[in-house]
Amino acid sequence: MCHLCPQLKDRINELEEDVRQLREAAGITLPEFGLTDSEWQIIGPLFKRHRAGQEPAISHDQIHTLYKPRQADADDTDPHTIKVLVSRARKKLKPYGWEIQPIYGKGYTLVKTPGFEDNARNKNAA
């Protein structure tokens, strides 16, 4: 790890808190999927990559780096915790036509279920 990494992590945490406070003050909310903050820490970057048209896969190492447990002293996150959060988010996103798919040896990717939007529109039109 480089000598600047701890300082950069602290600065990132400060900026993320600033963004959270600004969103709260402005009334900006995340999409209504019912995800917890912990689930969004992991799934949010998948959505960002999907919207930007980038390679949507995020590695297990990247997820481990992105996830910040609520306990300030919890530097090391149990891989099982991340798997549980992904599993819970997967269940919450499925009704909206989103799937979190594992990519063996790489991590996870987010895909929109084919034809889901058409099915949703047909139900609303009926």
C-alpha atoms as a PDB file:
ATOM      1  CA  MET A   1       0.000   0.000   0.000  1.00  0.00           C
ATOM      2  CA  CYS A   2       1.363   3.451  -0.825  1.00  0.00           C
ATOM      3  CA  HIS A   3       2.158   6.010   1.841  1.00  0.00           C
ATOM      4  CA  LEU A   4      -0.691   8.271   0.660  1.00  0.00           C
ATOM      5  CA  CYS A   5      -3.407   5.591   0.757  1.00  0.00           C
ATOM      6  CA  PRO A   6      -4.524   6.161   4.361  1.00  0.00           C
ATOM      7  CA  GLN A   7      -4.795   9.911   3.749  1.00  0.00           C
ATOM      8  CA  LEU A   8      -6.712   9.348   0.518  1.00  0.00           C
ATOM      9  CA  LYS A   9      -9.137   6.939   2.204  1.00  0.00           C
ATOM     10  CA  ASP A  10      -9.788   9.493   4.957  1.00  0.00           C
ATOM     11  CA  ARG A  11     -10.411  12.230   2.378  1.00  0.00           C
ATOM     12  CA  ILE A  12     -12.757   9.973   0.396  1.00  0.00           C
ATOM     13  CA  ASN A  13     -14.725   9.245   3.562  1.00  0.00           C
ATOM     14  CA  GLU A  14     -15.000  12.973   4.300  1.00  0.00           C
ATOM     15  CA  LEU A  15     -16.217  13.723   0.765  1.00  0.00           C
ATOM     16  CA  GLU A  16     -18.731  10.870   0.822  1.00  0.00           C
ATOM     17  CA  GLU A  17     -20.161  12.235   4.055  1.00  0.00           C
ATOM     18  CA  ASP A  18     -20.361  15.729   2.512  1.00  0.00           C
ATOM     19  CA  VAL A  19     -22.241  14.313  -0.477  1.00  0.00           C
ATOM     20  CA  ARG A  20     -24.607  12.404   1.799  1.00  0.00           C
ATOM     21  CA  GLN A  21     -25.369  15.558   3.788  1.00  0.00           C
ATOM     22  CA  LEU A  22     -25.898  17.623   0.633  1.00  0.00           C
ATOM     23  CA  ARG A  23     -28.251  15.016  -0.822  1.00  0.00           C
ATOM     24  CA  GLU A  24     -30.175  14.908   2.425  1.00  0.00           C
ATOM     25  CA  ALA A  25     -30.447  18.714   2.555  1.00  0.00           C
ATOM     26  CA  ALA A  26     -31.548  18.891  -1.083  1.00  0.00           C
ATOM     27  CA  GLY A  27     -33.995  16.022  -0.721  1.00  0.00           C
ATOM     28  CA  ILE A  28     -32.217  13.920  -3.333  1.00  0.00           C
ATOM     29  CA  THR A  29     -32.783  10.231  -2.832  1.00  0.00           C
ATOM     30  CA  LEU A  30     -31.503   7.086  -4.479  1.00  0.00           C
ATOM     31  CA  PRO A  31     -33.875   4.989  -6.603  1.00  0.00           C
ATOM     32  CA  GLU A  32     -36.612   3.306  -4.607  1.00  0.00           C
ATOM     33  CA  PHE A  33     -35.364  -0.265  -4.464  1.00  0.00           C
ATOM     34  CA  GLY A  34     -35.463  -0.531  -0.680  1.00  0.00           C
ATOM     35  CA  LEU A  35     -31.708  -1.086  -0.452  1.00  0.00           C
ATOM     36  CA  THR A  36     -29.859  -0.357   2.767  1.00  0.00           C
ATOM     37  CA  ASP A  37     -26.843   1.973   2.858  1.00  0.00           C
ATOM     38  CA  SER A  38     -24.556  -1.054   3.098  1.00  0.00           C
ATOM     39  CA  GLU A  39     -26.170  -2.661   0.047  1.00  0.00           C
ATOM     40  CA  TRP A  40     -25.852   0.627  -1.897  1.00  0.00           C
ATOM     41  CA  GLN A  41     -22.149   0.827  -1.091  1.00  0.00           C
ATOM     42  CA  ILE A  42     -21.719  -2.391  -3.031  1.00  0.00           C
ATOM     43  CA  ILE A  43     -24.444  -2.136  -5.688  1.00  0.00           C
ATOM     44  CA  GLY A  44     -24.228   1.604  -6.423  1.00  0.00           C
ATOM     45  CA  PRO A  45     -20.953   1.297  -8.373  1.00  0.00           C
ATOM     46  CA  LEU A  46     -22.525  -1.444 -10.517  1.00  0.00           C
ATOM     47  CA  PHE A  47     -25.323   0.965 -11.490  1.00  0.00           C
ATOM     48  CA  LYS A  48     -22.832   3.760 -12.203  1.00  0.00           C
ATOM     49  CA  ARG A  49     -20.795   1.510 -14.478  1.00  0.00           C
ATOM     50  CA  HIS A  50     -23.937   0.254 -16.224  1.00  0.00           C
ATOM     51  CA  ARG A  51     -25.189   3.806 -16.894  1.00  0.00           C
ATOM     52  CA  ALA A  52     -21.794   4.943 -18.148  1.00  0.00           C
ATOM     53  CA  GLY A  53     -21.626   2.049 -20.599  1.00  0.00           C
ATOM     54  CA  GLN A  54     -18.440   0.769 -18.983  1.00  0.00           C
ATOM     55  CA  GLU A  55     -17.508  -2.849 -18.402  1.00  0.00           C
ATOM     56  CA  PRO A  56     -20.091  -3.510 -15.724  1.00  0.00           C
ATOM     57  CA  ALA A  57     -18.139  -6.137 -13.777  1.00  0.00           C
ATOM     58  CA  ILE A  58     -16.711  -5.195 -10.409  1.00  0.00           C
ATOM     59  CA  SER A  59     -14.165  -7.501  -8.830  1.00  0.00           C
ATOM     60  CA  HIS A  60     -14.385  -8.918  -5.348  1.00  0.00           C
ATOM     61  CA  ASP A  61     -11.333  -6.822  -4.408  1.00  0.00           C
ATOM     62  CA  GLN A  62     -13.010  -3.626  -5.638  1.00  0.00           C
ATOM     63  CA  ILE A  63     -16.147  -4.433  -3.662  1.00  0.00           C
ATOM     64  CA  HIS A  64     -14.046  -5.140  -0.591  1.00  0.00           C
ATOM     65  CA  THR A  65     -12.414  -1.710  -1.003  1.00  0.00           C
ATOM     66  CA  LEU A  66     -15.734   0.090  -1.574  1.00  0.00           C
ATOM     67  CA  TYR A  67     -17.611  -1.431   1.353  1.00  0.00           C
ATOM     68  CA  LYS A  68     -17.161   0.494   4.583  1.00  0.00           C
ATOM     69  CA  PRO A  69     -18.774  -1.176   7.566  1.00  0.00           C
ATOM     70  CA  ARG A  70     -20.465   1.040  10.130  1.00  0.00           C
ATOM     71  CA  GLN A  71     -17.988   0.062  12.841  1.00  0.00           C
ATOM     72  CA  ALA A  72     -15.059   2.474  12.625  1.00  0.00           C
ATOM     73  CA  ASP A  73     -12.634  -0.171  13.841  1.00  0.00           C
ATOM     74  CA  ALA A  74     -13.713  -2.800  11.301  1.00  0.00           C
ATOM     75  CA  ASP A  75     -10.896  -2.555   8.771  1.00  0.00           C
ATOM     76  CA  ASP A  76     -11.234  -6.121   7.602  1.00  0.00           C
ATOM     77  CA  THR A  77     -14.587  -7.137   6.145  1.00  0.00           C
ATOM     78  CA  ASP A  78     -15.546 -10.769   6.200  1.00  0.00           C
ATOM     79  CA  PRO A  79     -16.118 -11.940   2.578  1.00  0.00           C
ATOM     80  CA  HIS A  80     -19.271 -13.668   3.808  1.00  0.00           C
ATOM     81  CA  THR A  81     -20.720 -10.268   4.792  1.00  0.00           C
ATOM     82  CA  ILE A  82     -20.335  -9.015   1.236  1.00  0.00           C
ATOM     83  CA  LYS A  83     -21.930 -12.178  -0.171  1.00  0.00           C
ATOM     84  CA  VAL A  84     -24.894 -11.733   2.174  1.00  0.00           C
ATOM     85  CA  LEU A  85     -25.326  -8.073   1.171  1.00  0.00           C
ATOM     86  CA  VAL A  86     -25.177  -8.992  -2.531  1.00  0.00           C
ATOM     87  CA  SER A  87     -27.720 -11.765  -1.971  1.00  0.00           C
ATOM     88  CA  ARG A  88     -30.125  -9.401  -0.196  1.00  0.00           C
ATOM     89  CA  ALA A  89     -29.712  -6.714  -2.858  1.00  0.00           C
ATOM     90  CA  ARG A  90     -30.269  -9.308  -5.590  1.00  0.00           C
ATOM     91  CA  LYS A  91     -33.651 -10.209  -4.082  1.00  0.00           C
ATOM     92  CA  LYS A  92     -34.660  -6.544  -3.777  1.00  0.00           C
ATOM     93  CA  LEU A  93     -33.669  -5.632  -7.355  1.00  0.00           C
ATOM     94  CA  LYS A  94     -35.262  -8.611  -9.109  1.00  0.00           C
ATOM     95  CA  PRO A  95     -38.847  -7.224  -9.025  1.00  0.00           C
ATOM     96  CA  TYR A  96     -37.533  -4.128 -10.858  1.00  0.00           C
ATOM     97  CA  GLY A  97     -35.966  -6.167 -13.643  1.00  0.00           C
ATOM     98  CA  TRP A  98     -32.338  -5.988 -12.490  1.00  0.00           C
ATOM     99  CA  GLU A  99     -30.086  -8.977 -11.934  1.00  0.00           C
ATOM    100  CA  ILE A 100     -26.766  -9.125 -10.128  1.00  0.00           C
ATOM    101  CA  GLN A 101     -24.886 -11.910 -11.818  1.00  0.00           C
ATOM    102  CA  PRO A 102     -21.681 -13.485 -10.571  1.00  0.00           C
ATOM    103  CA  ILE A 103     -18.780 -13.718 -12.999  1.00  0.00           C
ATOM    104  CA  TYR A 104     -16.619 -16.650 -12.006  1.00  0.00           C
ATOM    105  CA  GLY A 105     -13.191 -15.503 -10.886  1.00  0.00           C
ATOM    106  CA  LYS A 106     -13.989 -11.821 -11.540  1.00  0.00           C
ATOM    107  CA  GLY A 107     -16.790 -10.540  -9.326  1.00  0.00           C
ATOM    108  CA  TYR A 108     -20.296  -9.333 -10.157  1.00  0.00           C
ATOM    109  CA  THR A 109     -22.091  -7.584 -12.957  1.00  0.00           C
ATOM    110  CA  LEU A 110     -25.487  -5.900 -13.208  1.00  0.00           C
ATOM    111  CA  VAL A 111     -27.830  -6.604 -16.106  1.00  0.00           C
ATOM    112  CA  LYS A 112     -31.340  -5.508 -16.988  1.00  0.00           C
ATOM    113  CA  THR A 113     -33.691  -8.433 -17.541  1.00  0.00           C
ATOM    114  CA  PRO A 114     -34.499  -8.574 -21.294  1.00  0.00           C
ATOM    115  CA  GLY A 115     -38.091  -7.589 -22.044  1.00  0.00           C
ATOM    116  CA  PHE A 116     -38.769  -6.483 -18.473  1.00  0.00           C
ATOM    117  CA  GLU A 117     -39.561  -2.869 -19.432  1.00  0.00           C
ATOM    118  CA  ASP A 118     -41.967  -4.057 -22.111  1.00  0.00           C
ATOM    119  CA  ASN A 119     -43.753  -6.311 -19.606  1.00  0.00           C
ATOM    120  CA  ALA A 120     -44.012  -3.471 -17.092  1.00  0.00           C
ATOM    121  CA  ARG A 121     -45.442  -1.112 -19.724  1.00  0.00           C
ATOM    122  CA  ASN A 122     -47.990  -3.700 -20.843  1.00  0.00           C
ATOM    123  CA  LYS A 123     -49.186  -4.172 -17.238  1.00  0.00           C
ATOM    124  CA  ASN A 124     -49.527  -0.400 -16.783  1.00  0.00           C
ATOM    125  CA  ALA A 125     -51.441  -0.016 -20.056  1.00  0.00           C
ATOM    126  CA  ALA A 126     -53.984  -2.709 -19.121  1.00  0.00           C
END
